[in-house]
Every structure is written in C-alpha cells, then in structure tokens.
C-alpha atoms as a PDB file:
ATOM      1  CA  UNK A   1     -15.127 -10.776  -9.592  1.00  0.00           C
ATOM      2  CA  UNK A   2     -13.613  -7.896 -11.487  1.00  0.00           C
ATOM      3  CA  UNK A   3     -15.075  -6.463 -14.712  1.00  0.00           C
ATOM      4  CA  UNK A   4     -12.960  -4.644 -17.298  1.00  0.00           C
ATOM      5  CA  UNK A   5     -14.585  -2.654 -20.099  1.00  0.00           C
ATOM      6  CA  UNK A   6     -12.389  -2.349 -23.169  1.00  0.00           C
ATOM      7  CA  UNK A   7     -13.037  -0.375 -26.339  1.00  0.00           C
ATOM      8  CA  UNK A   8     -11.739  -2.459 -29.235  1.00  0.00           C
ATOM      9  CA  UNK A   9     -12.027  -0.197 -32.296  1.00  0.00           C
ATOM     10  CA  UNK A  10     -15.517   0.963 -31.356  1.00  0.00           C
ATOM     11  CA  UNK A  11     -16.727  -2.419 -30.095  1.00  0.00           C
ATOM     12  CA  UNK A  12     -17.259  -2.758 -26.355  1.00  0.00           C
ATOM     13  CA  UNK A  13     -15.620  -5.819 -24.800  1.00  0.00           C
ATOM     14  CA  UNK A  14     -16.749  -6.753 -21.304  1.00  0.00           C
ATOM     15  CA  UNK A  15     -14.129  -8.912 -19.648  1.00  0.00           C
ATOM     16  CA  UNK A  16     -15.134 -10.310 -16.252  1.00  0.00           C
ATOM     17  CA  UNK A  17     -12.673 -12.353 -14.217  1.00  0.00           C
ATOM     18  CA  UNK A  18     -13.108 -14.749 -11.337  1.00  0.00           C
ATOM     19  CA  UNK A  19     -16.473 -16.198 -10.353  1.00  0.00           C
ATOM     20  CA  UNK A  20     -19.810 -15.012 -11.694  1.00  0.00           C
ATOM     21  CA  UNK A  21     -22.317 -16.083  -9.074  1.00  0.00           C
ATOM     22  CA  UNK A  22     -25.285 -14.756  -7.119  1.00  0.00           C
ATOM     23  CA  UNK A  23     -22.987 -12.428  -5.186  1.00  0.00           C
ATOM     24  CA  UNK A  24     -21.056 -10.957  -8.104  1.00  0.00           C
ATOM     25  CA  UNK A  25     -23.573 -11.097 -10.966  1.00  0.00           C
ATOM     26  CA  UNK A  26     -25.433  -7.917  -9.801  1.00  0.00           C
ATOM     27  CA  UNK A  27     -22.273  -5.891 -10.538  1.00  0.00           C
ATOM     28  CA  UNK A  28     -21.935  -7.443 -13.991  1.00  0.00           C
ATOM     29  CA  UNK A  29     -25.651  -6.818 -14.607  1.00  0.00           C
ATOM     30  CA  UNK A  30     -25.239  -3.167 -13.634  1.00  0.00           C
ATOM     31  CA  UNK A  31     -22.348  -2.728 -16.076  1.00  0.00           C
ATOM     32  CA  UNK A  32     -24.246  -4.429 -18.911  1.00  0.00           C
ATOM     33  CA  UNK A  33     -27.440  -2.434 -18.300  1.00  0.00           C
ATOM     34  CA  UNK A  34     -25.432   0.805 -18.392  1.00  0.00           C
ATOM     35  CA  UNK A  35     -24.147  -0.157 -21.847  1.00  0.00           C
ATOM     36  CA  UNK A  36     -27.625  -1.215 -22.970  1.00  0.00           C
ATOM     37  CA  UNK A  37     -29.168   2.082 -21.833  1.00  0.00           C
ATOM     38  CA  UNK A  38     -26.693   3.784 -24.179  1.00  0.00           C
ATOM     39  CA  UNK A  39     -27.943   1.434 -26.932  1.00  0.00           C
ATOM     40  CA  UNK A  40     -24.471  -0.012 -27.444  1.00  0.00           C
ATOM     41  CA  UNK A  41     -24.835  -1.818 -30.778  1.00  0.00           C
ATOM     42  CA  UNK A  42     -22.437  -4.700 -30.071  1.00  0.00           C
ATOM     43  CA  UNK A  43     -21.269  -6.035 -26.731  1.00  0.00           C
ATOM     44  CA  UNK A  44     -18.750  -8.856 -26.613  1.00  0.00           C
ATOM     45  CA  UNK A  45     -18.388 -10.708 -23.338  1.00  0.00           C
ATOM     46  CA  UNK A  46     -14.946 -12.328 -23.121  1.00  0.00           C
ATOM     47  CA  UNK A  47     -15.045 -15.118 -20.549  1.00  0.00           C
ATOM     48  CA  UNK A  48     -11.401 -16.253 -20.740  1.00  0.00           C
ATOM     49  CA  UNK A  49     -10.688 -15.232 -17.115  1.00  0.00           C
ATOM     50  CA  UNK A  50     -13.925 -16.606 -15.625  1.00  0.00           C
ATOM     51  CA  UNK A  51     -13.394 -19.611 -13.379  1.00  0.00           C
ATOM     52  CA  UNK A  52     -17.022 -20.339 -12.436  1.00  0.00           C
ATOM     53  CA  UNK A  53     -20.518 -19.280 -13.443  1.00  0.00           C
ATOM     54  CA  UNK A  54     -23.840 -20.198 -11.877  1.00  0.00           C
ATOM     55  CA  UNK A  55     -27.440 -19.743 -13.011  1.00  0.00           C
ATOM     56  CA  UNK A  56     -27.555 -16.113 -11.869  1.00  0.00           C
ATOM     57  CA  UNK A  57     -24.627 -15.334 -14.161  1.00  0.00           C
ATOM     58  CA  UNK A  58     -26.295 -17.090 -17.080  1.00  0.00           C
ATOM     59  CA  UNK A  59     -29.546 -15.238 -16.289  1.00  0.00           C
ATOM     60  CA  UNK A  60     -27.625 -11.946 -16.442  1.00  0.00           C
ATOM     61  CA  UNK A  61     -26.540 -12.747 -20.015  1.00  0.00           C
ATOM     62  CA  UNK A  62     -30.068 -13.810 -21.019  1.00  0.00           C
ATOM     63  CA  UNK A  63     -31.524 -10.589 -19.608  1.00  0.00           C
ATOM     64  CA  UNK A  64     -28.938  -8.488 -21.444  1.00  0.00           C
ATOM     65  CA  UNK A  65     -29.693 -10.276 -24.711  1.00  0.00           C
ATOM     66  CA  UNK A  66     -33.445  -9.713 -24.290  1.00  0.00           C
ATOM     67  CA  UNK A  67     -32.954  -6.022 -23.501  1.00  0.00           C
ATOM     68  CA  UNK A  68     -30.807  -5.564 -26.627  1.00  0.00           C
ATOM     69  CA  UNK A  69     -33.340  -7.153 -28.970  1.00  0.00           C
ATOM     70  CA  UNK A  70     -35.696  -4.135 -29.279  1.00  0.00           C
ATOM     71  CA  UNK A  71     -32.918  -1.976 -30.741  1.00  0.00           C
ATOM     72  CA  UNK A  72     -31.340  -4.895 -32.658  1.00  0.00           C
ATOM     73  CA  UNK A  73     -28.174  -4.890 -30.575  1.00  0.00           C
ATOM     74  CA  UNK A  74     -25.812  -7.858 -30.648  1.00  0.00           C
ATOM     75  CA  UNK A  75     -24.543  -9.696 -27.580  1.00  0.00           C
ATOM     76  CA  UNK A  76     -21.660 -12.009 -28.422  1.00  0.00           C
ATOM     77  CA  UNK A  77     -19.809 -14.359 -26.098  1.00  0.00           C
ATOM     78  CA  UNK A  78     -16.166 -15.197 -26.745  1.00  0.00           C
ATOM     79  CA  UNK A  79     -13.208 -17.080 -25.317  1.00  0.00           C
ATOM     80  CA  UNK A  80     -15.287 -19.422 -23.180  1.00  0.00           C
ATOM     81  CA  UNK A  81     -13.299 -21.874 -21.027  1.00  0.00           C
ATOM     82  CA  UNK A  82     -14.203 -25.513 -21.668  1.00  0.00           C
ATOM     83  CA  UNK A  83     -15.727 -26.021 -18.212  1.00  0.00           C
ATOM     84  CA  UNK A  84     -18.066 -23.069 -18.724  1.00  0.00           C
ATOM     85  CA  UNK A  85     -18.823 -24.008 -22.326  1.00  0.00           C
ATOM     86  CA  UNK A  86     -20.250 -27.285 -21.019  1.00  0.00           C
ATOM     87  CA  UNK A  87     -22.919 -25.275 -19.176  1.00  0.00           C
ATOM     88  CA  UNK A  88     -23.862 -23.394 -22.351  1.00  0.00           C
ATOM     89  CA  UNK A  89     -23.956 -26.680 -24.302  1.00  0.00           C
ATOM     90  CA  UNK A  90     -25.972 -28.560 -21.666  1.00  0.00           C
ATOM     91  CA  UNK A  91     -28.550 -25.775 -21.395  1.00  0.00           C
ATOM     92  CA  UNK A  92     -28.631 -25.343 -25.207  1.00  0.00           C
ATOM     93  CA  UNK A  93     -27.734 -21.669 -24.728  1.00  0.00           C
ATOM     94  CA  UNK A  94     -24.905 -22.122 -27.213  1.00  0.00           C
ATOM     95  CA  UNK A  95     -27.748 -22.039 -29.790  1.00  0.00           C
ATOM     96  CA  UNK A  96     -29.214 -18.826 -28.321  1.00  0.00           C
ATOM     97  CA  UNK A  97     -26.039 -16.773 -28.010  1.00  0.00           C
ATOM     98  CA  UNK A  98     -23.529 -15.991 -30.717  1.00  0.00           C
ATOM     99  CA  UNK A  99     -20.469 -17.891 -29.474  1.00  0.00           C
ATOM    100  CA  UNK A 100     -16.928 -17.233 -30.750  1.00  0.00           C
ATOM    101  CA  UNK A 101     -13.475 -18.693 -30.188  1.00  0.00           C
ATOM    102  CA  UNK A 102     -11.876 -15.247 -29.852  1.00  0.00           C
ATOM    103  CA  UNK A 103     -12.756 -11.587 -29.472  1.00  0.00           C
ATOM    104  CA  UNK A 104     -11.318 -10.979 -32.952  1.00  0.00           C
ATOM    105  CA  UNK A 105     -13.658 -13.621 -34.406  1.00  0.00           C
ATOM    106  CA  UNK A 106     -16.588 -12.006 -32.588  1.00  0.00           C
ATOM    107  CA  UNK A 107     -15.700  -8.591 -34.010  1.00  0.00           C
ATOM    108  CA  UNK A 108     -15.495 -10.021 -37.540  1.00  0.00           C
ATOM    109  CA  UNK A 109     -18.637 -12.177 -37.136  1.00  0.00           C
END
C-alpha cells in the first residue's frame, strides 16, 4: 500500500492505494495520527485506488474518527469502489462516516 497526502486548497486528502490490511494499516494509521496531532480540521480519505480493505483498515478509520471528535474535526470518506462500499453498507458504517461520491463533493459538504 502507498499513501499520498495531497493539499487541496487547505483540505488534506489522504489517498491510499492497493490493499489496506493488517500489514499495511499501521502505516495508514501513523499518517492519520500525525494529521490528527496537528488538529487537522478536515481529512478526506479518497479510496478510489484501494483494491481491498479488511477489519484492521476499517478500525483505523474508526479510531481516526474518534480521535477527531474532541476537537470537532471532520473525517470524510470519498470515491469508494463498489466492492469496498459493500463493507461499509453491511457494517452500517456508511451511517457513521460522512461518505461522498467525489473529493470535490466532500470538500463542498
């Protein structure tokens, strides 16, 4: 897995690619926690290049969301492939996270 951090007009976009699993999720977690320590107000995770995610990847997102709550930060998830969206739907996490069709929609939302 590779993780790109992109500044989109002051909004941080985290764009992982490949598989997010028990082996790669610690790197993603580290990147997210670094942003959270800086109290980044909005983080958008763009999943368009993610081919697989397991429970450790989902847990990484849940942890990030919980850590952002005390300072009222926003964690938004965008561009989710259909196969991965099924996991969010099945686990009802699509009701917990702010989900968007595109990064632009997430920025506007």
